């Protein structure tokens, strides 16, 4: 049996987005699957992962409808309240004259000589007193309205006796109507083929009981996380859910969100005559009466089950309304199970449906057209007719919706299946997303063993990172001789101070991947805008990869920077190295000399290091050799990791005047210049260790020649140890997992390159 609405106090099946392993995050799962739901077999509710990021997502709404209209209404109401007393007394002052003579309000000034005149004066005084009281009452009423408009108290509607909780004034349709601005779903932005930023999006949810209230919070969070538009939630709730959710929304104080409550208990009589076997009970039938329940001025609404989670802006779904044509009034996704085909078990007899039928977990309702079509009469007649043979519903409102559609197929606009992905033992939702590449993540993660001590390392390979390309202005045209070289590097916030120095040493284009949080991205923006050096360079591309997970994704960052290189060649460096002055021009000449365009070569730039934070940078090879002899400089990692650069053969480099070839050796990790089409770095290596070694091994497996440039050099500048190298040195399990990943990489190399890759295993055993 498929999952449905929300039960009165229990929900055997609840939902988030899709059934991923317990360690996955819902925020970065399935960007293309806009709304997903569990059915039976789900793992139950789970809070969305990044509530801090959720705050960022909803904060942008402060520029929305509330700000668009709230200020004008506040000003108008304030002027009204201030002006009414003055107008009142002017009116009374003018009313004190009769036939051009003043009428006294004081008994001392009355005329006692005429009883008739005295009686007339008494009547006039009483009349004026009544007028004063009426004006004062109107004044108090206006003050109360102004207070309500500022969101300081609940408003009460007529009709369905719905209670309104507006978190920010000026965001709901009722205020718009009072101000004479709009009707229905329109906004000051006007109706356009796309959703304007000021347009309010209306969402209706039936909710009853404690469990369903908790599910609604998850649903609302997912909507708020992505939304840009003002939202108006219409909640058909019982007393329990109303108490919980009213307090929640009042204390949540999310801007540009309005919430109206409709008493579900008062609607029971509308649907209680329908026998229903579904666990949601009578509340699972209340979507049928939304045209009668919701305000008559509301033209359209998105109706959601409580077990829905959004993975994109709900405005994208709202925009689908513009695609409705003719008599289409219902937007639904085709059912993704065989339920309505009647072949799930022997003697299975479902309600009538069109083909596979439609799932009512997500519905687009054109309320105004449904009312004109007499929807209430239509569904009631259909239900009465079918219940004579079916006796009860199995899937609550969904059975009746499908029976109506079976008789009137023109009513439906079929939504793409990704708007309501249904997962359970009896669904075939893979037919919906088989072409969606991101869902490969589900299979990949499901194949991982969560009890594996290296699970977190393995999982990082499949983590999706939000990426903002070209964070700052970039403008560069490669030189026309096809020799241009881009310096490629990656960094985090603690290496930001290296940027200006690198820009001074390298005048060519640069592609950088920065691993930052949202807050750090703003700090970087302020830093860059305050730097004359960085602002004067338009050929530096900054790509922000946002933080996710516990490891530094070093090879992912390198791949991002490599992928967006616009020149034929790349110099694969690290951010803590300063290239020699003039290296950019020297490499361009070497590209021609070594014919990199037509051969598979990797040009090696020898690496050195200094332990001094202040260094007089050598301006020539001769000066560098002198500093080597004096102990001011060393060959890179000579003291701690000699194998990494020993094959460069520094002894030969000292006297070399022409490029020379070297052979690959185990653990070799030089810095190289290669063509743009070279292999990517292997993402399984994160944090510290083996990330460059694996890449050089793959270059060798693809038969690249390693050529050392005799007059090129780069120098590593000292800095505090990174967090990852500290973990590597202090955590035995970290080192064990790195060794495991290394062995698995070598096995993969053997499978890909066959017999030629055996030398890597041999070299490793001999090292």
Foldseek 3Di string as FASTA:
>chain_A
DWAFFEAFADGQFFAAADAFPPVDAPQPFDLPLFKEFETPPHDADDAGDCVVLLVVLLVLQVVEQLVVPVVVVLVVLVVVLVCLVVVLVVVVQVVQDDPNRGNDLDPVPFDPVDPVSVVVSVVSNVVSVVVVVVSVVVSVVSVVVSCVQQQNDWDFDPQLRKIKRALGGRQDQVVCVVVVHDFAQAGPVGDDLADDQHTEAEEEGEAHHDSLLVLLVRAVSLQSSAARHQYEYEYAYAPVSCVVVSVVCNVVSRPSYMYIYGHNVVCLVVQVVAAEPESNPSSSAVVLCCLNNDDVRHFKHKYAGSRMGGNHHCSVVVSCVSVDDDQAFKEFAQFQFQLQVQDPDPPRDAAHADVSATDVRIMIGRSNSCVVVVSSVQLVVQSVVRCVPVVHHHRHNRSSVRSSCVVVVSHYDYDQNSNYQYDDPGGRSCVRCVVPVSCVLRVLSVPADPPPLCSLLQNQLSDDWDKAWQPDAADDDDDPVQLAEEEEEEEEPQLVVLVLLQVVQDVGAYFYEYEEAPVVVVVVVVVQVVDPSNVVDRRYIYMYTYDDGDFAQGQVRRQVRLVPDDGFKYFYDYSQKHWAHPVRVVSSVVCVVVVQVPAQAWEFFFEKEAPDQDDPDDNWLVSVVVCCVVVRMGGPCVPPCCPQDVQLPVVCLNPDDAKDWTDDAQNHQTTTMHTSPQDGFRRSDTQDDDRRRLSVLVSVLVPYIYIYGSTIYMYGHDDDDDPRVVCCVPPPSNVVSRVVVVVVSLVVSCVVRPPVSVVNVVRVVVD
